[in-house]
């Protein structure tokens, strides 16, 4: 059951809806103005990764020079 983010085309409100099935839209409406005219938007992702051993065990960033300029490598802990 994915959670989708929508923008109301009438009042510009951003809101989330839990979608239960493929075509079953049920009672989908804007929580602010009750309009049924809205579009799905690309959601942003926000998360924080920490290792189980406290500080220093989370992801590390390494920058280096590459042929195209600079490169960044993320070292993320966990199974390979």
N, C-alpha and C. Protein backbone atom coordinates (compact mmCIF):
# COMPACT_ATOMS: atom_id res chain seq x y z
N UNK A 1 0.84 -1.18 0.00
CA UNK A 1 0.00 0.00 0.00
C UNK A 1 0.89 1.25 0.00
N UNK A 2 1.16 1.77 -1.15
CA UNK A 2 2.06 2.93 -1.23
C UNK A 2 1.39 4.22 -0.76
N UNK A 3 2.21 5.11 -0.27
CA UNK A 3 1.79 6.44 0.14
C UNK A 3 2.23 7.40 -0.95
N UNK A 4 1.27 8.10 -1.58
CA UNK A 4 1.57 9.02 -2.67
C UNK A 4 1.34 10.46 -2.24
N UNK A 5 2.08 11.38 -2.84
CA UNK A 5 1.92 12.80 -2.57
C UNK A 5 1.23 13.46 -3.76
N UNK A 6 0.26 14.33 -3.48
CA UNK A 6 -0.53 14.99 -4.51
C UNK A 6 -0.55 16.50 -4.29
N UNK A 7 -0.84 17.25 -5.37
CA UNK A 7 -1.03 18.70 -5.31
C UNK A 7 -2.40 19.00 -5.89
N UNK A 8 -3.22 19.73 -5.11
CA UNK A 8 -4.55 20.09 -5.56
C UNK A 8 -4.44 21.17 -6.64
N UNK A 9 -5.16 20.97 -7.74
CA UNK A 9 -5.12 21.93 -8.84
C UNK A 9 -6.00 23.15 -8.56
N UNK A 10 -6.86 23.07 -7.56
CA UNK A 10 -7.75 24.17 -7.23
C UNK A 10 -7.12 25.12 -6.20
N UNK A 11 -6.60 24.58 -5.08
CA UNK A 11 -6.06 25.43 -4.01
C UNK A 11 -4.56 25.31 -3.81
N UNK A 12 -3.87 24.43 -4.58
CA UNK A 12 -2.42 24.24 -4.54
C UNK A 12 -1.92 23.56 -3.25
N UNK A 13 -2.80 22.94 -2.50
CA UNK A 13 -2.44 22.23 -1.27
C UNK A 13 -1.67 20.96 -1.61
N UNK A 14 -0.58 20.68 -0.86
CA UNK A 14 0.15 19.42 -0.98
C UNK A 14 -0.35 18.48 0.11
N UNK A 15 -0.66 17.23 -0.26
CA UNK A 15 -1.15 16.27 0.72
C UNK A 15 -0.77 14.86 0.30
N UNK A 16 -0.81 13.94 1.24
CA UNK A 16 -0.46 12.55 1.00
C UNK A 16 -1.71 11.68 1.13
N UNK A 17 -1.76 10.61 0.32
CA UNK A 17 -2.84 9.64 0.39
C UNK A 17 -2.27 8.23 0.35
N UNK A 18 -2.81 7.36 1.17
CA UNK A 18 -2.46 5.95 1.14
C UNK A 18 -3.36 5.29 0.12
N UNK A 19 -2.78 4.74 -0.94
CA UNK A 19 -3.55 4.14 -2.03
C UNK A 19 -3.63 2.64 -1.79
N UNK A 20 -4.87 2.14 -1.64
CA UNK A 20 -5.10 0.74 -1.29
C UNK A 20 -5.01 -0.21 -2.47
N UNK A 21 -5.51 0.17 -3.64
CA UNK A 21 -5.50 -0.72 -4.78
C UNK A 21 -5.22 0.03 -6.07
N UNK A 22 -5.01 -0.70 -7.16
CA UNK A 22 -4.66 -0.11 -8.44
C UNK A 22 -5.60 0.98 -8.93
N UNK A 23 -6.84 0.63 -9.31
CA UNK A 23 -7.78 1.59 -9.85
C UNK A 23 -8.81 2.06 -8.82
N UNK A 24 -8.75 1.53 -7.62
CA UNK A 24 -9.71 1.89 -6.59
C UNK A 24 -9.34 3.24 -5.98
N UNK A 25 -9.92 4.32 -6.49
CA UNK A 25 -9.60 5.66 -6.02
C UNK A 25 -10.45 6.05 -4.82
N UNK A 26 -11.53 5.32 -4.56
CA UNK A 26 -12.34 5.53 -3.38
C UNK A 26 -12.78 6.97 -3.21
N UNK A 27 -12.53 7.52 -2.04
CA UNK A 27 -12.97 8.86 -1.69
C UNK A 27 -11.77 9.82 -1.71
N UNK A 28 -11.04 9.86 -2.81
CA UNK A 28 -9.85 10.70 -2.90
C UNK A 28 -10.25 12.14 -3.19
N UNK A 29 -9.93 13.04 -2.25
CA UNK A 29 -10.21 14.46 -2.43
C UNK A 29 -9.23 15.27 -1.59
N UNK A 30 -9.10 16.53 -1.94
CA UNK A 30 -8.21 17.44 -1.24
C UNK A 30 -8.73 17.67 0.18
N UNK A 31 -7.87 17.54 1.20
CA UNK A 31 -8.32 17.74 2.57
C UNK A 31 -8.64 19.20 2.90
N UNK A 32 -8.16 20.14 2.10
CA UNK A 32 -8.41 21.56 2.36
C UNK A 32 -9.71 22.04 1.71
N UNK A 33 -9.90 21.76 0.40
CA UNK A 33 -11.05 22.31 -0.32
C UNK A 33 -12.01 21.23 -0.84
N UNK A 34 -11.69 19.96 -0.63
CA UNK A 34 -12.51 18.82 -1.05
C UNK A 34 -12.60 18.65 -2.56
N UNK A 35 -11.71 19.28 -3.31
CA UNK A 35 -11.69 19.12 -4.76
C UNK A 35 -11.17 17.73 -5.13
N UNK A 36 -11.64 17.22 -6.25
CA UNK A 36 -11.14 15.94 -6.75
C UNK A 36 -10.17 16.15 -7.92
N UNK A 37 -9.81 17.41 -8.19
CA UNK A 37 -8.87 17.73 -9.26
C UNK A 37 -7.49 17.93 -8.65
N UNK A 38 -6.65 16.92 -8.78
CA UNK A 38 -5.29 17.01 -8.27
C UNK A 38 -4.35 16.19 -9.13
N UNK A 39 -3.05 16.40 -8.95
CA UNK A 39 -2.04 15.65 -9.70
C UNK A 39 -1.04 15.05 -8.73
N UNK A 40 -0.50 13.91 -9.11
CA UNK A 40 0.53 13.27 -8.30
C UNK A 40 1.84 13.97 -8.54
N UNK A 41 2.59 14.23 -7.47
CA UNK A 41 3.88 14.91 -7.58
C UNK A 41 4.99 13.99 -7.11
N UNK A 42 6.21 14.30 -7.53
CA UNK A 42 7.38 13.53 -7.11
C UNK A 42 7.71 13.92 -5.67
N UNK A 43 7.72 12.95 -4.78
CA UNK A 43 8.01 13.21 -3.37
C UNK A 43 9.51 13.33 -3.14
N UNK A 44 9.87 14.11 -2.14
CA UNK A 44 11.26 14.19 -1.74
C UNK A 44 11.51 13.13 -0.67
N UNK A 45 12.74 12.70 -0.57
CA UNK A 45 13.10 11.67 0.39
C UNK A 45 14.00 12.29 1.44
N UNK A 46 13.70 11.99 2.68
CA UNK A 46 14.52 12.48 3.78
C UNK A 46 14.73 11.34 4.76
N UNK A 47 15.98 11.00 4.99
CA UNK A 47 16.26 9.95 5.95
C UNK A 47 17.63 10.19 6.56
N UNK A 48 17.88 9.57 7.68
CA UNK A 48 19.14 9.70 8.38
C UNK A 48 19.68 8.31 8.64
N UNK A 49 20.88 8.05 8.19
CA UNK A 49 21.49 6.75 8.41
C UNK A 49 22.52 6.87 9.51
N UNK A 50 22.41 6.04 10.52
CA UNK A 50 23.42 5.99 11.57
C UNK A 50 23.80 4.55 11.77
N UNK A 51 25.03 4.34 12.08
CA UNK A 51 25.49 2.99 12.36
C UNK A 51 25.14 2.58 13.77
N UNK A 52 25.21 1.29 14.05
CA UNK A 52 24.85 0.81 15.37
C UNK A 52 25.92 1.12 16.40
N UNK A 53 27.11 1.51 15.95
CA UNK A 53 28.20 1.79 16.88
C UNK A 53 28.34 3.25 17.24
N UNK A 54 27.37 4.06 16.93
CA UNK A 54 27.43 5.48 17.29
C UNK A 54 28.12 6.30 16.22
N UNK A 55 28.63 7.50 16.59
CA UNK A 55 29.26 8.38 15.61
C UNK A 55 30.44 7.71 14.91
N UNK A 56 30.60 8.02 13.66
CA UNK A 56 31.71 7.46 12.89
C UNK A 56 31.38 6.15 12.19
N UNK A 57 30.21 5.57 12.50
CA UNK A 57 29.83 4.30 11.88
C UNK A 57 28.85 4.49 10.74
N UNK A 58 28.43 5.71 10.47
CA UNK A 58 27.47 6.00 9.40
C UNK A 58 28.16 6.12 8.06
N UNK A 59 27.48 6.66 7.06
CA UNK A 59 28.07 6.81 5.73
C UNK A 59 29.21 7.82 5.73
N UNK A 60 30.22 7.58 4.88
CA UNK A 60 31.36 8.48 4.75
C UNK A 60 31.44 8.94 3.31
N UNK A 61 31.86 10.19 3.11
CA UNK A 61 32.01 10.76 1.78
C UNK A 61 33.49 10.95 1.49
N UNK A 62 33.93 10.52 0.32
CA UNK A 62 35.31 10.70 -0.11
C UNK A 62 35.29 11.42 -1.45
N UNK A 63 35.96 12.56 -1.54
CA UNK A 63 36.07 13.31 -2.80
C UNK A 63 37.48 13.16 -3.32
N UNK A 64 37.61 13.08 -4.63
CA UNK A 64 38.93 12.95 -5.26
C UNK A 64 38.88 13.57 -6.64
N UNK A 65 40.02 13.77 -7.23
CA UNK A 65 40.09 14.32 -8.59
C UNK A 65 39.90 13.22 -9.61
N UNK A 66 39.10 13.51 -10.63
CA UNK A 66 38.86 12.57 -11.72
C UNK A 66 39.12 13.29 -13.04
N UNK A 67 39.11 12.56 -14.13
CA UNK A 67 39.37 13.14 -15.44
C UNK A 67 38.34 14.22 -15.79
N UNK A 68 37.10 14.07 -15.35
CA UNK A 68 36.05 15.04 -15.67
C UNK A 68 35.93 16.16 -14.65
N UNK A 69 36.81 16.22 -13.66
CA UNK A 69 36.73 17.24 -12.63
C UNK A 69 36.91 16.62 -11.27
N UNK A 70 35.84 16.52 -10.49
CA UNK A 70 35.93 15.87 -9.19
C UNK A 70 34.88 14.78 -9.10
N UNK A 71 35.14 13.78 -8.31
CA UNK A 71 34.25 12.65 -8.10
C UNK A 71 33.98 12.51 -6.61
N UNK A 72 32.80 12.07 -6.29
CA UNK A 72 32.43 11.82 -4.90
C UNK A 72 32.01 10.36 -4.76
N UNK A 73 32.50 9.70 -3.73
CA UNK A 73 32.15 8.31 -3.45
C UNK A 73 31.50 8.26 -2.08
N UNK A 74 30.36 7.58 -1.99
CA UNK A 74 29.69 7.38 -0.71
C UNK A 74 30.00 5.96 -0.24
N UNK A 75 30.54 5.83 0.98
CA UNK A 75 30.79 4.52 1.60
C UNK A 75 29.68 4.32 2.61
N UNK A 76 28.70 3.45 2.28
CA UNK A 76 27.55 3.22 3.13
C UNK A 76 27.73 1.89 3.85
N UNK A 77 27.67 1.90 5.19
CA UNK A 77 27.87 0.66 5.93
C UNK A 77 26.71 -0.31 5.69
N UNK A 78 27.00 -1.58 5.87
CA UNK A 78 25.98 -2.61 5.71
C UNK A 78 26.50 -3.74 4.86
N UNK A 79 25.68 -4.77 4.64
CA UNK A 79 26.13 -5.90 3.84
C UNK A 79 26.41 -5.48 2.39
N UNK A 80 27.42 -6.07 1.83
CA UNK A 80 27.82 -5.74 0.46
C UNK A 80 26.93 -6.37 -0.56
